[in-house]
Amino acid sequence: MWVYDNNESIIDFKSSNRIKKREWITDYFLQTCAYALAHNLQHKTNIRQGVILICTSKFEFQEFIIKDNEFLWYQKKFEDRVRKYQDLVRLEDE
């Protein structure tokens, strides 16, 4: 957990060969929400901001932030994905 822009945050540093569009990095947002859920559970925090920092091989820098309602939306999407996986595993075990 770090403080970024005065908010407790999960920050994920990424490298890339090219600039990314926001709509291409949905899984990065889901991943930061997963980390936040785990941190909140383990350490009794209330992290509600995820930050993705990307640097390309040409030293181009990008910053993507999700917070508040958008962060909660991605967190719910992550939880939905976990439930879907658990349902698939359960079906395979039957």
PDB file of N, CA and C in Angstrom:
ATOM      1  N   MET A   1       0.838  -1.173   0.000  1.00  0.00           N
ATOM      2  CA  MET A   1       0.000   0.000   0.000  1.00  0.00           C
ATOM      3  C   MET A   1       0.881   1.233   0.000  1.00  0.00           C
ATOM      4  N   TRP A   2       0.537   2.170  -0.827  1.00  0.00           N
ATOM      5  CA  TRP A   2       1.259   3.430  -0.954  1.00  0.00           C
ATOM      6  C   TRP A   2       0.262   4.576  -0.934  1.00  0.00           C
ATOM      7  N   VAL A   3       0.740   5.754  -0.720  1.00  0.00           N
ATOM      8  CA  VAL A   3      -0.109   6.945  -0.849  1.00  0.00           C
ATOM      9  C   VAL A   3       0.253   7.604  -2.175  1.00  0.00           C
ATOM     10  N   TYR A   4      -0.757   7.812  -3.006  1.00  0.00           N
ATOM     11  CA  TYR A   4      -0.583   8.417  -4.321  1.00  0.00           C
ATOM     12  C   TYR A   4      -1.652   9.473  -4.481  1.00  0.00           C
ATOM     13  N   ASP A   5      -1.268  10.679  -4.756  1.00  0.00           N
ATOM     14  CA  ASP A   5      -2.232  11.784  -4.866  1.00  0.00           C
ATOM     15  C   ASP A   5      -3.071  11.914  -3.590  1.00  0.00           C
ATOM     16  N   ASN A   6      -2.416  11.750  -2.450  1.00  0.00           N
ATOM     17  CA  ASN A   6      -3.059  11.869  -1.132  1.00  0.00           C
ATOM     18  C   ASN A   6      -4.086  10.782  -0.832  1.00  0.00           C
ATOM     19  N   ASN A   7      -4.052   9.669  -1.568  1.00  0.00           N
ATOM     20  CA  ASN A   7      -4.984   8.568  -1.322  1.00  0.00           C
ATOM     21  C   ASN A   7      -4.212   7.266  -1.143  1.00  0.00           C
ATOM     22  N   GLU A   8      -4.617   6.478  -0.132  1.00  0.00           N
ATOM     23  CA  GLU A   8      -4.048   5.137  -0.016  1.00  0.00           C
ATOM     24  C   GLU A   8      -4.354   4.399  -1.309  1.00  0.00           C
ATOM     25  N   SER A   9      -3.340   3.751  -1.868  1.00  0.00           N
ATOM     26  CA  SER A   9      -3.495   3.172  -3.204  1.00  0.00           C
ATOM     27  C   SER A   9      -2.730   1.866  -3.340  1.00  0.00           C
ATOM     28  N   ILE A  10      -3.202   1.059  -4.255  1.00  0.00           N
ATOM     29  CA  ILE A  10      -2.412  -0.044  -4.776  1.00  0.00           C
ATOM     30  C   ILE A  10      -1.830   0.472  -6.080  1.00  0.00           C
ATOM     31  N   ILE A  11      -0.515   0.417  -6.192  1.00  0.00           N
ATOM     32  CA  ILE A  11       0.165   0.909  -7.390  1.00  0.00           C
ATOM     33  C   ILE A  11       0.822  -0.272  -8.082  1.00  0.00           C
ATOM     34  N   ASP A  12       0.596  -0.371  -9.367  1.00  0.00           N
ATOM     35  CA  ASP A  12       1.199  -1.429 -10.159  1.00  0.00           C
ATOM     36  C   ASP A  12       2.036  -0.791 -11.263  1.00  0.00           C
ATOM     37  N   PHE A  13       3.323  -1.113 -11.271  1.00  0.00           N
ATOM     38  CA  PHE A  13       4.242  -0.581 -12.270  1.00  0.00           C
ATOM     39  C   PHE A  13       4.342  -1.588 -13.411  1.00  0.00           C
ATOM     40  N   LYS A  14       4.116  -1.122 -14.626  1.00  0.00           N
ATOM     41  CA  LYS A  14       4.137  -1.993 -15.796  1.00  0.00           C
ATOM     42  C   LYS A  14       5.109  -1.442 -16.827  1.00  0.00           C
ATOM     43  N   SER A  15       5.647  -2.332 -17.632  1.00  0.00           N
ATOM     44  CA  SER A  15       6.433  -1.914 -18.788  1.00  0.00           C
ATOM     45  C   SER A  15       5.700  -2.391 -20.042  1.00  0.00           C
ATOM     46  N   SER A  16       5.965  -1.717 -21.140  1.00  0.00           N
ATOM     47  CA  SER A  16       5.275  -2.043 -22.379  1.00  0.00           C
ATOM     48  C   SER A  16       6.142  -1.618 -23.556  1.00  0.00           C
ATOM     49  N   ASN A  17       5.915  -2.256 -24.666  1.00  0.00           N
ATOM     50  CA  ASN A  17       6.614  -1.849 -25.888  1.00  0.00           C
ATOM     51  C   ASN A  17       5.906  -0.701 -26.592  1.00  0.00           C
ATOM     52  N   ARG A  18       4.662  -0.431 -26.188  1.00  0.00           N
ATOM     53  CA  ARG A  18       3.905   0.636 -26.845  1.00  0.00           C
ATOM     54  C   ARG A  18       2.911   1.269 -25.877  1.00  0.00           C
ATOM     55  N   ILE A  19       2.420   2.419 -26.247  1.00  0.00           N
ATOM     56  CA  ILE A  19       1.399   3.134 -25.476  1.00  0.00           C
ATOM     57  C   ILE A  19       0.127   2.279 -25.414  1.00  0.00           C
ATOM     58  N   LYS A  20      -0.535   2.298 -24.274  1.00  0.00           N
ATOM     59  CA  LYS A  20      -1.780   1.545 -24.076  1.00  0.00           C
ATOM     60  C   LYS A  20      -2.976   2.486 -24.066  1.00  0.00           C
ATOM     61  N   LYS A  21      -4.103   1.989 -24.542  1.00  0.00           N
ATOM     62  CA  LYS A  21      -5.372   2.689 -24.380  1.00  0.00           C
ATOM     63  C   LYS A  21      -6.019   2.166 -23.104  1.00  0.00           C
ATOM     64  N   ARG A  22      -6.772   3.029 -22.449  1.00  0.00           N
ATOM     65  CA  ARG A  22      -7.422   2.655 -21.189  1.00  0.00           C
ATOM     66  C   ARG A  22      -8.257   1.380 -21.336  1.00  0.00           C
ATOM     67  N   GLU A  23      -8.974   1.251 -22.430  1.00  0.00           N
ATOM     68  CA  GLU A  23      -9.865   0.093 -22.606  1.00  0.00           C
ATOM     69  C   GLU A  23      -9.096  -1.218 -22.802  1.00  0.00           C
ATOM     70  N   TRP A  24      -7.781  -1.142 -23.030  1.00  0.00           N
ATOM     71  CA  TRP A  24      -6.977  -2.345 -23.190  1.00  0.00           C
ATOM     72  C   TRP A  24      -6.472  -2.910 -21.867  1.00  0.00           C
ATOM     73  N   ILE A  25      -6.613  -2.167 -20.781  1.00  0.00           N
ATOM     74  CA  ILE A  25      -5.966  -2.589 -19.536  1.00  0.00           C
ATOM     75  C   ILE A  25      -6.969  -2.950 -18.428  1.00  0.00           C
ATOM     76  N   THR A  26      -8.118  -3.418 -18.829  1.00  0.00           N
ATOM     77  CA  THR A  26      -9.145  -3.831 -17.859  1.00  0.00           C
ATOM     78  C   THR A  26      -8.588  -4.836 -16.854  1.00  0.00           C
ATOM     79  N   ASP A  27      -7.823  -5.812 -17.341  1.00  0.00           N
ATOM     80  CA  ASP A  27      -7.282  -6.815 -16.419  1.00  0.00           C
ATOM     81  C   ASP A  27      -6.311  -6.207 -15.408  1.00  0.00           C
ATOM     82  N   TYR A  28      -5.608  -5.155 -15.792  1.00  0.00           N
ATOM     83  CA  TYR A  28      -4.730  -4.478 -14.830  1.00  0.00           C
ATOM     84  C   TYR A  28      -5.558  -3.874 -13.700  1.00  0.00           C
ATOM     85  N   PHE A  29      -6.700  -3.279 -14.047  1.00  0.00           N
ATOM     86  CA  PHE A  29      -7.571  -2.703 -13.023  1.00  0.00           C
ATOM     87  C   PHE A  29      -8.133  -3.791 -12.114  1.00  0.00           C
ATOM     88  N   LEU A  30      -8.540  -4.903 -12.702  1.00  0.00           N
ATOM     89  CA  LEU A  30      -9.049  -6.015 -11.899  1.00  0.00           C
ATOM     90  C   LEU A  30      -7.969  -6.519 -10.942  1.00  0.00           C
ATOM     91  N   GLN A  31      -6.741  -6.571 -11.420  1.00  0.00           N
ATOM     92  CA  GLN A  31      -5.633  -7.036 -10.595  1.00  0.00           C
ATOM     93  C   GLN A  31      -5.383  -6.098  -9.407  1.00  0.00           C
ATOM     94  N   THR A  32      -5.405  -4.794  -9.639  1.00  0.00           N
ATOM     95  CA  THR A  32      -5.186  -3.873  -8.516  1.00  0.00           C
ATOM     96  C   THR A  32      -6.317  -3.992  -7.496  1.00  0.00           C
ATOM     97  N   CYS A  33      -7.528  -4.214  -7.972  1.00  0.00           N
ATOM     98  CA  CYS A  33      -8.654  -4.394  -7.050  1.00  0.00           C
ATOM     99  C   CYS A  33      -8.493  -5.677  -6.234  1.00  0.00           C
ATOM    100  N   ALA A  34      -7.982  -6.719  -6.862  1.00  0.00           N
ATOM    101  CA  ALA A  34      -7.731  -7.967  -6.131  1.00  0.00           C
ATOM    102  C   ALA A  34      -6.692  -7.735  -5.038  1.00  0.00           C
ATOM    103  N   TYR A  35      -5.618  -7.034  -5.374  1.00  0.00           N
ATOM    104  CA  TYR A  35      -4.598  -6.716  -4.374  1.00  0.00           C
ATOM    105  C   TYR A  35      -5.188  -5.891  -3.235  1.00  0.00           C
ATOM    106  N   ALA A  36      -6.047  -4.932  -3.584  1.00  0.00           N
ATOM    107  CA  ALA A  36      -6.663  -4.083  -2.558  1.00  0.00           C
ATOM    108  C   ALA A  36      -7.570  -4.908  -1.643  1.00  0.00           C
ATOM    109  N   LEU A  37      -8.368  -5.796  -2.231  1.00  0.00           N
ATOM    110  CA  LEU A  37      -9.231  -6.654  -1.413  1.00  0.00           C
ATOM    111  C   LEU A  37      -8.396  -7.453  -0.417  1.00  0.00           C
ATOM    112  N   ALA A  38      -7.309  -8.033  -0.885  1.00  0.00           N
ATOM    113  CA  ALA A  38      -6.446  -8.828  -0.004  1.00  0.00           C
ATOM    114  C   ALA A  38      -5.817  -7.962   1.081  1.00  0.00           C
ATOM    115  N   HIS A  39      -5.313  -6.797   0.690  1.00  0.00           N
ATOM    116  CA  HIS A  39      -4.679  -5.907   1.665  1.00  0.00           C
ATOM    117  C   HIS A  39      -5.704  -5.431   2.694  1.00  0.00           C
ATOM    118  N   ASN A  40      -6.877  -5.040   2.225  1.00  0.00           N
ATOM    119  CA  ASN A  40      -7.923  -4.575   3.140  1.00  0.00           C
ATOM    120  C   ASN A  40      -8.304  -5.657   4.144  1.00  0.00           C
ATOM    121  N   LEU A  41      -8.389  -6.887   3.673  1.00  0.00           N
ATOM    122  CA  LEU A  41      -8.751  -8.002   4.551  1.00  0.00           C
ATOM    123  C   LEU A  41      -7.639  -8.296   5.565  1.00  0.00           C
ATOM    124  N   GLN A  42      -6.409  -8.349   5.096  1.00  0.00           N
ATOM    125  CA  GLN A  42      -5.280  -8.698   5.962  1.00  0.00           C
ATOM    126  C   GLN A  42      -4.923  -7.601   6.957  1.00  0.00           C
ATOM    127  N   HIS A  43      -5.020  -6.355   6.522  1.00  0.00           N
ATOM    128  CA  HIS A  43      -4.496  -5.252   7.330  1.00  0.00           C
ATOM    129  C   HIS A  43      -5.564  -4.272   7.812  1.00  0.00           C
ATOM    130  N   LYS A  44      -6.827  -4.622   7.596  1.00  0.00           N
ATOM    131  CA  LYS A  44      -7.949  -3.781   8.068  1.00  0.00           C
ATOM    132  C   LYS A  44      -7.858  -2.357   7.503  1.00  0.00           C
ATOM    133  N   THR A  45      -7.468  -2.244   6.224  1.00  0.00           N
ATOM    134  CA  THR A  45      -7.416  -0.942   5.564  1.00  0.00           C
ATOM    135  C   THR A  45      -8.679  -0.758   4.728  1.00  0.00           C
ATOM    136  N   ASN A  46      -8.782   0.369   4.080  1.00  0.00           N
ATOM    137  CA  ASN A  46      -9.922   0.640   3.205  1.00  0.00           C
ATOM    138  C   ASN A  46      -9.420   1.302   1.913  1.00  0.00           C
ATOM    139  N   ILE A  47      -8.545   0.605   1.226  1.00  0.00           N
ATOM    140  CA  ILE A  47      -7.982   1.135  -0.012  1.00  0.00           C
ATOM    141  C   ILE A  47      -9.067   1.145  -1.079  1.00  0.00           C
ATOM    142  N   ARG A  48      -9.224   2.317  -1.723  1.00  0.00           N
ATOM    143  CA  ARG A  48     -10.235   2.456  -2.775  1.00  0.00           C
ATOM    144  C   ARG A  48      -9.665   3.200  -3.981  1.00  0.00           C
ATOM    145  N   GLN A  49      -8.371   3.000  -4.210  1.00  0.00           N
ATOM    146  CA  GLN A  49      -7.763   3.599  -5.397  1.00  0.00           C
ATOM    147  C   GLN A  49      -6.705   2.655  -5.944  1.00  0.00           C
ATOM    148  N   GLY A  50      -6.739   2.470  -7.259  1.00  0.00           N
ATOM    149  CA  GLY A  50      -5.723   1.698  -7.949  1.00  0.00           C
ATOM    150  C   GLY A  50      -5.020   2.591  -8.956  1.00  0.00           C
ATOM    151  N   VAL A  51      -3.709   2.443  -9.036  1.00  0.00           N
ATOM    152  CA  VAL A  51      -2.905   3.261  -9.947  1.00  0.00           C
ATOM    153  C   VAL A  51      -2.062   2.324 -10.803  1.00  0.00           C
ATOM    154  N   ILE A  52      -2.158   2.495 -12.100  1.00  0.00           N
ATOM    155  CA  ILE A  52      -1.330   1.757 -13.041  1.00  0.00           C
ATOM    156  C   ILE A  52      -0.359   2.758 -13.659  1.00  0.00           C
ATOM    157  N   LEU A  53       0.927   2.509 -13.505  1.00  0.00           N
ATOM    158  CA  LEU A  53       1.958   3.363 -14.089  1.00  0.00           C
ATOM    159  C   LEU A  53       2.709   2.539 -15.131  1.00  0.00           C
ATOM    160  N   ILE A  54       2.690   3.007 -16.362  1.00  0.00           N
ATOM    161  CA  ILE A  54       3.300   2.275 -17.468  1.00  0.00           C
ATOM    162  C   ILE A  54       4.408   3.116 -18.086  1.00  0.00           C
ATOM    163  N   CYS A  55       5.525   2.462 -18.341  1.00  0.00           N
ATOM    164  CA  CYS A  55       6.624   3.104 -19.067  1.00  0.00           C
ATOM    165  C   CYS A  55       6.955   2.226 -20.269  1.00  0.00           C
ATOM    166  N   THR A  56       6.999   2.837 -21.441  1.00  0.00           N
ATOM    167  CA  THR A  56       7.305   2.079 -22.651  1.00  0.00           C
ATOM    168  C   THR A  56       8.813   1.976 -22.846  1.00  0.00           C
ATOM    169  N   SER A  57       9.201   1.142 -23.768  1.00  0.00           N
ATOM    170  CA  SER A  57      10.617   0.979 -24.084  1.00  0.00           C
ATOM    171  C   SER A  57      11.220   2.251 -24.686  1.00  0.00           C
ATOM    172  N   LYS A  58      10.343   3.169 -25.128  1.00  0.00           N
ATOM    173  CA  LYS A  58      10.809   4.475 -25.641  1.00  0.00           C
ATOM    174  C   LYS A  58      10.695   5.561 -24.565  1.00  0.00           C
ATOM    175  N   PHE A  59      10.539   5.142 -23.316  1.00  0.00           N
ATOM    176  CA  PHE A  59      10.455   6.036 -22.160  1.00  0.00           C
ATOM    177  C   PHE A  59       9.241   6.963 -22.196  1.00  0.00           C
ATOM    178  N   GLU A  60       8.145   6.472 -22.761  1.00  0.00           N
ATOM    179  CA  GLU A  60       6.868   7.195 -22.704  1.00  0.00           C
ATOM    180  C   GLU A  60       6.167   6.739 -21.434  1.00  0.00           C
ATOM    181  N   PHE A  61       5.619   7.677 -20.692  1.00  0.00           N
ATOM    182  CA  PHE A  61       5.021   7.387 -19.391  1.00  0.00           C
ATOM    183  C   PHE A  61       3.505   7.564 -19.448  1.00  0.00           C
ATOM    184  N   GLN A  62       2.793   6.633 -18.831  1.00  0.00           N
ATOM    185  CA  GLN A  62       1.336   6.738 -18.727  1.00  0.00           C
ATOM    186  C   GLN A  62       0.900   6.484 -17.294  1.00  0.00           C
ATOM    187  N   GLU A  63      -0.169   7.157 -16.912  1.00  0.00           N
ATOM    188  CA  GLU A  63      -0.750   7.011 -15.581  1.00  0.00           C
ATOM    189  C   GLU A  63      -2.247   6.769 -15.748  1.00  0.00           C
ATOM    190  N   PHE A  64      -2.730   5.690 -15.143  1.00  0.00           N
ATOM    191  CA  PHE A  64      -4.160   5.385 -15.132  1.00  0.00           C
ATOM    192  C   PHE A  64      -4.589   5.224 -13.684  1.00  0.00           C
ATOM    193  N   ILE A  65      -5.662   5.906 -13.291  1.00  0.00           N
ATOM    194  CA  ILE A  65      -6.146   5.847 -11.912  1.00  0.00           C
ATOM    195  C   ILE A  65      -7.613   5.442 -11.917  1.00  0.00           C
ATOM    196  N   ILE A  66      -7.941   4.492 -11.054  1.00  0.00           N
ATOM    197  CA  ILE A  66      -9.347   4.190 -10.783  1.00  0.00           C
ATOM    198  C   ILE A  66      -9.561   4.422  -9.296  1.00  0.00           C
ATOM    199  N   LYS A  67     -10.679   5.043  -8.962  1.00  0.00           N
ATOM    200  CA  LYS A  67     -10.956   5.305  -7.548  1.00  0.00           C
ATOM    201  C   LYS A  67     -12.451   5.421  -7.328  1.00  0.00           C
ATOM    202  N   ASP A  68     -12.806   5.427  -6.060  1.00  0.00           N
ATOM    203  CA  ASP A  68     -14.185   5.616  -5.615  1.00  0.00           C
ATOM    204  C   ASP A  68     -15.129   4.652  -6.333  1.00  0.00           C
ATOM    205  N   ASN A  69     -16.185   5.148  -6.964  1.00  0.00           N
ATOM    206  CA  ASN A  69     -17.195   4.267  -7.567  1.00  0.00           C
ATOM    207  C   ASN A  69     -16.638   3.407  -8.697  1.00  0.00           C
ATOM    208  N   GLU A  70     -15.733   3.963  -9.487  1.00  0.00           N
ATOM    209  CA  GLU A  70     -15.136   3.167 -10.555  1.00  0.00           C
ATOM    210  C   GLU A  70     -14.309   2.027  -9.965  1.00  0.00           C
ATOM    211  N   PHE A  71     -13.582   2.317  -8.907  1.00  0.00           N
ATOM    212  CA  PHE A  71     -12.793   1.291  -8.230  1.00  0.00           C
ATOM    213  C   PHE A  71     -13.712   0.191  -7.692  1.00  0.00           C
ATOM    214  N   LEU A  72     -14.805   0.590  -7.041  1.00  0.00           N
ATOM    215  CA  LEU A  72     -15.752  -0.400  -6.508  1.00  0.00           C
ATOM    216  C   LEU A  72     -16.381  -1.237  -7.619  1.00  0.00           C
ATOM    217  N   TRP A  73     -16.623  -0.623  -8.773  1.00  0.00           N
ATOM    218  CA  TRP A  73     -17.183  -1.348  -9.922  1.00  0.00           C
ATOM    219  C   TRP A  73     -16.211  -2.434 -10.376  1.00  0.00           C
ATOM    220  N   TYR A  74     -14.928  -2.088 -10.516  1.00  0.00           N
ATOM    221  CA  TYR A  74     -13.928  -3.088 -10.919  1.00  0.00           C
ATOM    222  C   TYR A  74     -13.749  -4.154  -9.845  1.00  0.00           C
ATOM    223  N   GLN A  75     -13.844  -3.759  -8.590  1.00  0.00           N
ATOM    224  CA  GLN A  75     -13.737  -4.725  -7.502  1.00  0.00           C
ATOM    225  C   GLN A  75     -14.864  -5.752  -7.595  1.00  0.00           C
ATOM    226  N   LYS A  76     -16.067  -5.277  -7.877  1.00  0.00           N
ATOM    227  CA  LYS A  76     -17.204  -6.183  -8.035  1.00  0.00           C
ATOM    228  C   LYS A  76     -16.989  -7.100  -9.233  1.00  0.00           C
ATOM    229  N   LYS A  77     -16.469  -6.563 -10.328  1.00  0.00           N
ATOM    230  CA  LYS A  77     -16.189  -7.378 -11.515  1.00  0.00           C
ATOM    231  C   LYS A  77     -15.164  -8.468 -11.192  1.00  0.00           C
ATOM    232  N   PHE A  78     -14.167  -8.138 -10.386  1.00  0.00           N
ATOM    233  CA  PHE A  78     -13.190  -9.146  -9.986  1.00  0.00           C
ATOM    234  C   PHE A  78     -13.870 -10.234  -9.153  1.00  0.00           C
ATOM    235  N   GLU A  79     -14.689  -9.837  -8.192  1.00  0.00           N
ATOM    236  CA  GLU A  79     -15.395 -10.813  -7.358  1.00  0.00           C
ATOM    237  C   GLU A  79     -16.307 -11.694  -8.211  1.00  0.00           C
ATOM    238  N   ASP A  80     -16.971 -11.104  -9.209  1.00  0.00           N
ATOM    239  CA  ASP A  80     -17.817 -11.882 -10.127  1.00  0.00           C
ATOM    240  C   ASP A  80     -16.985 -12.917 -10.883  1.00  0.00           C
ATOM    241  N   ARG A  81     -15.800 -12.516 -11.315  1.00  0.00           N
ATOM    242  CA  ARG A  81     -14.922 -13.423 -12.052  1.00  0.00           C
ATOM    243  C   ARG A  81     -14.489 -14.586 -11.163  1.00  0.00           C
ATOM    244  N   VAL A  82     -14.190 -14.303  -9.904  1.00  0.00           N
ATOM    245  CA  VAL A  82     -13.799 -15.366  -8.968  1.00  0.00           C
ATOM    246  C   VAL A  82     -14.966 -16.329  -8.760  1.00  0.00           C
ATOM    247  N   ARG A  83     -16.165 -15.796  -8.578  1.00  0.00           N
ATOM    248  CA  ARG A  83     -17.348 -16.659  -8.400  1.00  0.00           C
ATOM    249  C   ARG A  83     -17.580 -17.535  -9.628  1.00  0.00           C
ATOM    250  N   LYS A  84     -17.420 -16.963 -10.800  1.00  0.00           N
ATOM    251  CA  LYS A  84     -17.599 -17.723 -12.037  1.00  0.00           C
ATOM    252  C   LYS A  84     -16.579 -18.864 -12.107  1.00  0.00           C
ATOM    253  N   TYR A  85     -15.343 -18.590 -11.743  1.00  0.00           N
ATOM    254  CA  TYR A  85     -14.304 -19.622 -11.718  1.00  0.00           C
ATOM    255  C   TYR A  85     -14.670 -20.716 -10.710  1.00  0.00           C
ATOM    256  N   GLN A  86     -15.109 -20.315  -9.510  1.00  0.00           N
ATOM    257  CA  GLN A  86     -15.480 -21.300  -8.491  1.00  0.00           C
ATOM    258  C   GLN A  86     -16.633 -22.175  -8.967  1.00  0.00           C
ATOM    259  N   ASP A  87     -17.593 -21.586  -9.659  1.00  0.00           N
ATOM    260  CA  ASP A  87     -18.714 -22.358 -10.215  1.00  0.00           C
ATOM    261  C   ASP A  87     -18.222 -23.373 -11.243  1.00  0.00           C
ATOM    262  N   LEU A  88     -17.278 -22.972 -12.096  1.00  0.00           N
ATOM    263  CA  LEU A  88     -16.734 -23.894 -13.094  1.00  0.00           C
ATOM    264  C   LEU A  88     -16.004 -25.051 -12.434  1.00  0.00           C
ATOM    265  N   VAL A  89     -15.219 -24.762 -11.408  1.00  0.00           N
ATOM    266  CA  VAL A  89     -14.481 -25.805 -10.695  1.00  0.00           C
ATOM    267  C   VAL A  89     -15.465 -26.748 -10.019  1.00  0.00           C
ATOM    268  N   ARG A  90     -16.504 -26.204  -9.425  1.00  0.00           N
ATOM    269  CA  ARG A  90     -17.517 -27.013  -8.748  1.00  0.00           C
ATOM    270  C   ARG A  90     -18.184 -27.961  -9.747  1.00  0.00           C
ATOM    271  N   LEU A  91     -18.508 -27.451 -10.947  1.00  0.00           N
ATOM    272  CA  LEU A  91     -19.144 -28.285 -11.962  1.00  0.00           C
ATOM    273  C   LEU A  91     -18.220 -29.423 -12.407  1.00  0.00           C
ATOM    274  N   GLU A  92     -16.936 -29.124 -12.516  1.00  0.00           N
ATOM    275  CA  GLU A  92     -15.979 -30.156 -12.921  1.00  0.00           C
ATOM    276  C   GLU A  92     -15.847 -31.260 -11.871  1.00  0.00           C
ATOM    277  N   ASP A  93     -16.026 -30.887 -10.610  1.00  0.00           N
ATOM    278  CA  ASP A  93     -15.888 -31.850  -9.505  1.00  0.00           C
ATOM    279  C   ASP A  93     -17.109 -32.752  -9.369  1.00  0.00           C
ATOM    280  N   GLU A  94     -18.213 -32.370  -9.977  1.00  0.00           N
ATOM    281  CA  GLU A  94     -19.455 -33.168  -9.821  1.00  0.00           C
ATOM    282  C   GLU A  94     -19.476 -34.380 -10.720  1.00  0.00           C
TER     283      GLU A  94
END
